[in-house]
Amino acid sequence: MKYFFTTCYILYLASTFSLQAQTGTDLWVINTSGKGGNLKLSIETAHSLTDRPEYDNQPSFINDYQLVFSAADENGNHDIIVYNFDSDKFTNLSKTSDRSEFSPSITDCGMYIAAVVMEEDKKQRIWLYPTNFEPAELLYDDIEPVGYYDWYDNKAAMFVLGEPNKLVYARGRNDLIEIDSVIDRSVKKRPKTSEITYISHPSEGQPGIIKSYDIENGEREVYLEGITGSQDFIWLDKNHLMMAAGNEIFLRKYNSPEWKSLGVIHSDTHENITRMAFSEDLNVLVITMNRK
């Protein structure tokens, strides 16, 4: 296994998502107030951040005023875009004609934006894009295809597509912990813990199950049922999760018996919330919605 090492030692996490199966999506912004279980959405403030027929999706905050996301151009090529909430400006972090970038996020060391790259030969591998706009570099060359990722201890759990698919954590060189092989596309580190959490595949018509694997002690937990039909969740903090169904957004404590509705986004042009990103610093929730 050949690894690329930087001043920040990183390995990753991925998912089963098909990077080419894209539809027209936009990012919306909603103002929030309160924290954790007391979080409230100011539904009346919901508005589109992007408004194009192409794909704008997979938002992720990289600091207290900037967001990154994957955006398609008119030719179907995807680049990494940075949006600055202070200046209200969009900037291309990447602009490549021979590859497409998906699922951007900040590395633990803060020096790179990582992305799953669909290369010219259709390989899906992790690349690092320096935040100072220097040329991108391949992290490693023999783990693919990968999708989404998240971090623990500057290393990552990776969803590696195959027969079967595998969710693994790269503890070190040639030292992989196999976590599960039955998983949906959302995989998230639980804040302030050593847990990797994910949605286990539901039976047809049933909600997925949010499960946890603790990297440090190997313990497994089954936390709660997700929402039927939803493949995406985020942690607001150590104890509270958020999911959506249709245009409705829900909040739940990890050990609570039920989801609480935070409101419905009303729109004549968009529907079906999927991915979400929350900034406590800005008091905003960014959501992805499909164009009608």
Protein backbone atom coordinates (compact mmCIF):
# COMPACT_ATOMS: atom_id res chain seq x y z
CA MET A 1 0.00 0.00 0.00
CA LYS A 2 1.54 3.29 -1.07
CA TYR A 3 0.68 6.31 1.05
CA PHE A 4 1.35 9.98 0.53
CA PHE A 5 2.44 11.59 3.82
CA THR A 6 2.15 15.28 4.61
CA THR A 7 2.83 17.32 7.73
CA CYS A 8 -0.62 16.23 8.79
CA TYR A 9 -0.96 12.43 8.76
CA ILE A 10 -4.32 11.61 7.22
CA LEU A 11 -6.40 8.66 6.16
CA TYR A 12 -10.06 8.68 5.28
CA LEU A 13 -13.66 7.64 5.16
CA ALA A 14 -16.02 6.97 2.20
CA SER A 15 -19.43 5.69 1.07
CA THR A 16 -21.43 3.78 -1.51
CA PHE A 17 -22.69 6.77 -3.41
CA SER A 18 -22.45 6.71 -7.21
CA LEU A 19 -20.61 9.89 -8.09
CA GLN A 20 -22.12 10.11 -11.54
CA ALA A 21 -25.77 9.82 -10.53
CA GLN A 22 -26.41 13.55 -10.11
CA THR A 23 -29.55 15.65 -10.37
CA GLY A 24 -30.13 19.39 -10.23
CA THR A 25 -29.70 20.53 -6.62
CA ASP A 26 -29.21 23.82 -4.80
CA LEU A 27 -27.97 24.94 -1.41
CA TRP A 28 -30.33 26.76 0.94
CA VAL A 29 -29.51 28.67 4.12
CA ILE A 30 -31.67 28.81 7.27
CA ASN A 31 -30.93 30.99 10.30
CA THR A 32 -30.94 29.22 13.65
CA SER A 33 -30.99 30.07 17.35
CA GLY A 34 -30.27 28.09 20.47
CA LYS A 35 -28.05 25.05 20.83
CA GLY A 36 -28.35 21.28 21.04
CA GLY A 37 -31.82 20.15 22.05
CA ASN A 38 -32.96 23.78 22.19
CA LEU A 39 -32.02 24.52 18.60
CA LYS A 40 -34.70 26.37 16.65
CA LEU A 41 -34.95 27.11 12.95
CA SER A 42 -36.14 30.47 11.68
CA ILE A 43 -38.07 28.92 8.82
CA GLU A 44 -39.06 32.30 7.42
CA THR A 45 -35.39 33.08 6.71
CA ALA A 46 -34.89 30.06 4.43
CA HIS A 47 -33.47 31.16 1.09
CA SER A 48 -31.40 29.75 -1.75
CA LEU A 49 -27.65 30.24 -1.68
CA THR A 50 -27.27 28.82 -5.18
CA ASP A 51 -29.81 28.84 -7.98
CA ARG A 52 -28.64 26.97 -11.08
CA PRO A 53 -29.97 24.00 -13.07
CA GLU A 54 -26.69 22.18 -12.38
CA TYR A 55 -25.55 20.27 -9.29
CA ASP A 56 -24.58 22.28 -6.17
CA ASN A 57 -24.32 19.83 -3.29
CA GLN A 58 -22.34 18.22 -0.45
CA PRO A 59 -21.82 21.32 1.76
CA SER A 60 -19.24 21.28 4.54
CA PHE A 61 -18.03 24.09 6.80
CA ILE A 62 -14.24 24.50 6.87
CA ASN A 63 -14.07 27.33 9.46
CA ASP A 64 -16.36 29.84 11.14
CA TYR A 65 -17.12 31.81 7.97
CA GLN A 66 -16.45 29.58 4.93
CA LEU A 67 -18.28 26.68 3.33
CA VAL A 68 -17.09 24.29 0.62
CA PHE A 69 -19.27 22.28 -1.74
CA SER A 70 -19.17 20.36 -5.01
CA ALA A 71 -20.57 22.17 -8.06
CA ALA A 72 -21.07 21.01 -11.63
CA ASP A 73 -20.49 23.22 -14.64
CA GLU A 74 -22.60 23.20 -17.81
CA ASN A 75 -20.53 20.28 -19.14
CA GLY A 76 -21.15 18.13 -16.09
CA ASN A 77 -17.67 18.54 -14.63
CA HIS A 78 -17.54 19.04 -10.86
CA ASP A 79 -15.26 21.45 -9.01
CA ILE A 80 -14.75 22.50 -5.39
CA ILE A 81 -16.29 25.88 -4.61
CA VAL A 82 -15.62 27.98 -1.49
CA TYR A 83 -18.35 30.32 -0.27
CA ASN A 84 -17.42 33.13 2.14
CA PHE A 85 -20.31 34.21 4.38
CA ASP A 86 -18.50 37.43 5.35
CA SER A 87 -17.93 38.67 1.81
CA ASP A 88 -20.82 36.82 0.12
CA LYS A 89 -18.40 35.60 -2.58
CA PHE A 90 -17.85 32.27 -4.34
CA THR A 91 -14.32 31.13 -5.27
CA ASN A 92 -13.13 28.10 -7.22
CA LEU A 93 -10.67 26.06 -5.17
CA SER A 94 -10.41 23.69 -8.14
CA LYS A 95 -11.14 24.13 -11.83
CA THR A 96 -10.26 20.91 -13.62
CA SER A 97 -11.38 19.67 -17.02
CA ASP A 98 -10.08 16.10 -16.76
CA ARG A 99 -11.61 15.13 -13.39
CA SER A 100 -14.46 15.88 -11.02
CA GLU A 101 -14.26 16.60 -7.30
CA PHE A 102 -16.87 15.50 -4.78
CA SER A 103 -17.41 15.52 -1.01
CA PRO A 104 -14.95 18.27 -0.06
CA SER A 105 -14.06 18.74 3.59
CA ILE A 106 -11.30 20.25 5.69
CA THR A 107 -8.58 17.93 6.99
CA ASP A 108 -7.97 17.74 10.72
CA CYS A 109 -4.77 19.76 10.41
CA GLY A 110 -6.59 22.51 8.50
CA MET A 111 -4.02 22.68 5.71
CA TYR A 112 -5.96 20.88 2.98
CA ILE A 113 -9.40 20.42 1.53
CA ALA A 114 -9.78 16.72 0.84
CA ALA A 115 -12.04 15.49 -1.94
CA VAL A 116 -13.10 12.30 -3.62
CA VAL A 117 -11.93 12.69 -7.20
CA MET A 118 -13.46 10.96 -10.21
CA GLU A 119 -10.38 10.75 -12.39
CA GLU A 120 -10.22 10.60 -16.16
CA ASP A 121 -10.01 6.78 -16.07
CA LYS A 122 -13.03 6.71 -13.68
CA LYS A 123 -11.03 5.78 -10.60
CA GLN A 124 -12.41 7.34 -7.41
CA ARG A 125 -9.56 8.27 -5.10
CA ILE A 126 -8.81 10.82 -2.39
CA TRP A 127 -6.83 13.93 -3.34
CA LEU A 128 -5.62 16.81 -1.19
CA TYR A 129 -6.12 20.43 -2.25
CA PRO A 130 -3.90 22.84 -0.27
CA THR A 131 -5.81 25.79 1.13
CA ASN A 132 -3.09 28.08 -0.30
CA PHE A 133 -4.18 26.98 -3.81
CA GLU A 134 -1.02 25.01 -4.61
CA PRO A 135 -1.43 21.95 -6.90
CA ALA A 136 -3.45 19.02 -5.55
CA GLU A 137 -1.72 15.76 -4.63
CA LEU A 138 -2.95 12.17 -4.52
CA LEU A 139 -3.08 10.83 -0.99
CA TYR A 140 -2.69 7.15 -1.86
CA ASP A 141 -2.97 5.25 -5.09
CA ASP A 142 -4.36 1.79 -4.36
CA ILE A 143 -7.52 2.30 -2.27
CA GLU A 144 -10.48 2.85 -4.57
CA PRO A 145 -13.27 3.40 -5.27
CA VAL A 146 -14.10 5.58 -2.28
CA GLY A 147 -16.84 8.10 -1.54
CA TYR A 148 -17.56 10.13 1.61
CA TYR A 149 -15.19 10.41 4.53
CA ASP A 150 -14.82 11.79 8.02
CA TRP A 151 -12.05 11.99 10.59
CA TYR A 152 -10.85 10.58 13.88
CA ASP A 153 -7.36 11.13 15.25
CA ASN A 154 -6.08 12.40 11.87
CA LYS A 155 -7.00 9.11 10.26
CA ALA A 156 -10.23 7.98 8.69
CA ALA A 157 -12.76 5.29 8.23
CA MET A 158 -13.27 4.45 4.56
CA PHE A 159 -16.22 2.98 2.79
CA VAL A 160 -14.54 0.86 0.16
CA LEU A 161 -16.85 -0.32 -2.60
CA GLY A 162 -16.58 -3.97 -3.53
CA GLU A 163 -18.05 -7.42 -3.06
CA PRO A 164 -18.93 -6.92 -0.30
CA ASN A 165 -18.65 -3.23 0.46
CA LYS A 166 -16.59 -2.53 3.57
CA LEU A 167 -16.45 0.25 6.10
CA VAL A 168 -12.92 0.20 7.50
CA TYR A 169 -10.78 2.42 9.71
CA ALA A 170 -7.15 2.85 8.73
CA ARG A 171 -5.36 2.67 12.06
CA GLY A 172 -1.96 2.57 10.36
CA ARG A 173 -0.05 1.22 7.39
CA ASN A 174 -1.59 -2.15 6.44
CA ASP A 175 -3.58 -2.02 9.68
CA LEU A 176 -7.28 -1.74 8.87
CA ILE A 177 -10.14 -2.24 11.31
CA GLU A 178 -13.20 -3.65 9.55
CA ILE A 179 -16.27 -1.98 11.00
CA ASP A 180 -19.23 -3.15 8.89
CA SER A 181 -20.32 -4.20 5.42
CA VAL A 182 -23.99 -3.18 5.62
CA ILE A 183 -24.09 0.59 5.40
CA ASP A 184 -25.72 3.62 3.77
CA ARG A 185 -23.87 6.67 2.49
CA SER A 186 -23.80 8.77 5.70
CA VAL A 187 -20.83 8.13 7.96
CA LYS A 188 -20.03 10.69 10.66
CA LYS A 189 -17.68 10.96 13.60
CA ARG A 190 -19.61 11.67 16.78
CA PRO A 191 -18.21 14.94 18.17
CA LYS A 192 -15.90 14.78 21.20
CA THR A 193 -15.82 10.98 21.11
CA SER A 194 -13.82 8.25 19.38
CA GLU A 195 -16.95 6.88 17.72
CA ILE A 196 -17.63 6.46 14.02
CA THR A 197 -21.38 6.48 13.42
CA TYR A 198 -23.26 5.39 10.33
CA ILE A 199 -26.63 4.26 9.00
CA SER A 200 -27.01 0.53 8.59
CA HIS A 201 -29.04 -0.50 5.53
CA PRO A 202 -32.75 -0.76 6.30
CA SER A 203 -35.11 -3.41 5.07
CA GLU A 204 -37.35 -2.30 2.21
CA GLY A 205 -39.64 0.47 3.43
CA GLN A 206 -38.08 0.54 6.91
CA PRO A 207 -35.94 3.27 8.50
CA GLY A 208 -32.20 2.81 8.66
CA ILE A 209 -30.53 2.18 12.00
CA ILE A 210 -27.88 4.58 13.27
CA LYS A 211 -25.02 2.56 14.73
CA SER A 212 -21.69 3.37 16.34
CA TYR A 213 -18.23 1.83 16.49
CA ASP A 214 -15.74 3.13 19.06
CA ILE A 215 -12.26 3.22 17.53
CA GLU A 216 -10.52 3.24 20.92
CA ASN A 217 -12.23 0.34 22.69
CA GLY A 218 -13.99 -1.54 19.87
CA GLU A 219 -17.41 -1.23 21.47
CA ARG A 220 -20.50 -1.19 19.26
CA GLU A 221 -23.78 0.58 19.95
CA VAL A 222 -27.19 0.76 18.27
CA TYR A 223 -28.46 4.26 18.93
CA LEU A 224 -31.75 4.83 17.19
CA GLU A 225 -33.88 4.43 14.11
CA GLY A 226 -33.38 6.99 11.41
CA ILE A 227 -36.22 8.46 9.38
CA THR A 228 -37.74 6.28 6.69
CA GLY A 229 -36.36 7.14 3.26
CA SER A 230 -33.53 9.35 4.55
CA GLN A 231 -29.88 8.45 3.96
CA ASP A 232 -28.32 11.53 5.56
CA PHE A 233 -27.75 12.71 9.11
CA ILE A 234 -25.45 15.12 10.93
CA TRP A 235 -24.41 15.60 14.55
CA LEU A 236 -25.06 19.07 15.98
CA ASP A 237 -22.98 18.24 19.05
CA LYS A 238 -22.07 15.15 21.04
CA ASN A 239 -25.69 14.35 21.93
CA HIS A 240 -27.99 15.65 19.18
CA LEU A 241 -28.57 14.55 15.60
CA MET A 242 -30.48 16.03 12.69
CA MET A 243 -32.20 14.36 9.75
CA ALA A 244 -34.79 15.40 7.16
CA ALA A 245 -37.66 13.81 5.27
CA GLY A 246 -39.17 15.60 2.30
CA ASN A 247 -39.03 19.29 3.24
CA GLU A 248 -39.26 18.66 7.00
CA ILE A 249 -36.27 18.81 9.36
CA PHE A 250 -36.04 16.77 12.55
CA LEU A 251 -33.92 16.81 15.72
CA ARG A 252 -33.29 14.00 18.17
CA LYS A 253 -31.14 13.29 21.19
CA TYR A 254 -29.14 10.12 20.57
CA ASN A 255 -30.91 8.26 23.40
CA SER A 256 -34.33 9.86 22.96
CA PRO A 257 -37.35 7.73 21.95
CA GLU A 258 -38.47 9.96 19.09
CA TRP A 259 -37.59 12.64 16.54
CA LYS A 260 -38.84 16.21 17.07
CA SER A 261 -39.90 18.30 14.08
CA LEU A 262 -38.14 21.66 13.70
CA GLY A 263 -40.29 22.82 10.81
CA VAL A 264 -41.05 22.49 7.12
CA ILE A 265 -39.34 24.46 4.36
CA HIS A 266 -41.98 25.76 1.95
CA SER A 267 -40.87 26.23 -1.63
CA ASP A 268 -42.50 26.27 -5.06
CA THR A 269 -39.20 25.43 -6.73
CA HIS A 270 -37.37 22.94 -4.48
CA GLU A 271 -38.13 19.77 -2.55
CA ASN A 272 -36.60 16.82 -0.67
CA ILE A 273 -33.83 17.87 1.70
CA THR A 274 -30.79 15.60 1.68
CA ARG A 275 -27.36 16.71 2.88
CA MET A 276 -26.92 19.28 5.63
CA ALA A 277 -24.14 21.29 7.28
CA PHE A 278 -24.47 23.26 10.53
CA SER A 279 -22.37 26.15 11.84
CA GLU A 280 -22.80 27.06 15.49
CA ASP A 281 -20.50 30.04 14.94
CA LEU A 282 -22.71 31.54 12.24
CA ASN A 283 -26.00 30.18 13.59
CA VAL A 284 -26.95 28.83 10.18
CA LEU A 285 -27.99 25.50 8.75
CA VAL A 286 -27.13 24.83 5.11
CA ILE A 287 -29.24 22.21 3.36
CA THR A 288 -29.33 20.67 -0.10
CA MET A 289 -32.68 20.53 -1.91
CA ASN A 290 -33.63 19.02 -5.26
CA ARG A 291 -34.96 21.28 -7.97
CA LYS A 292 -38.56 20.48 -8.93
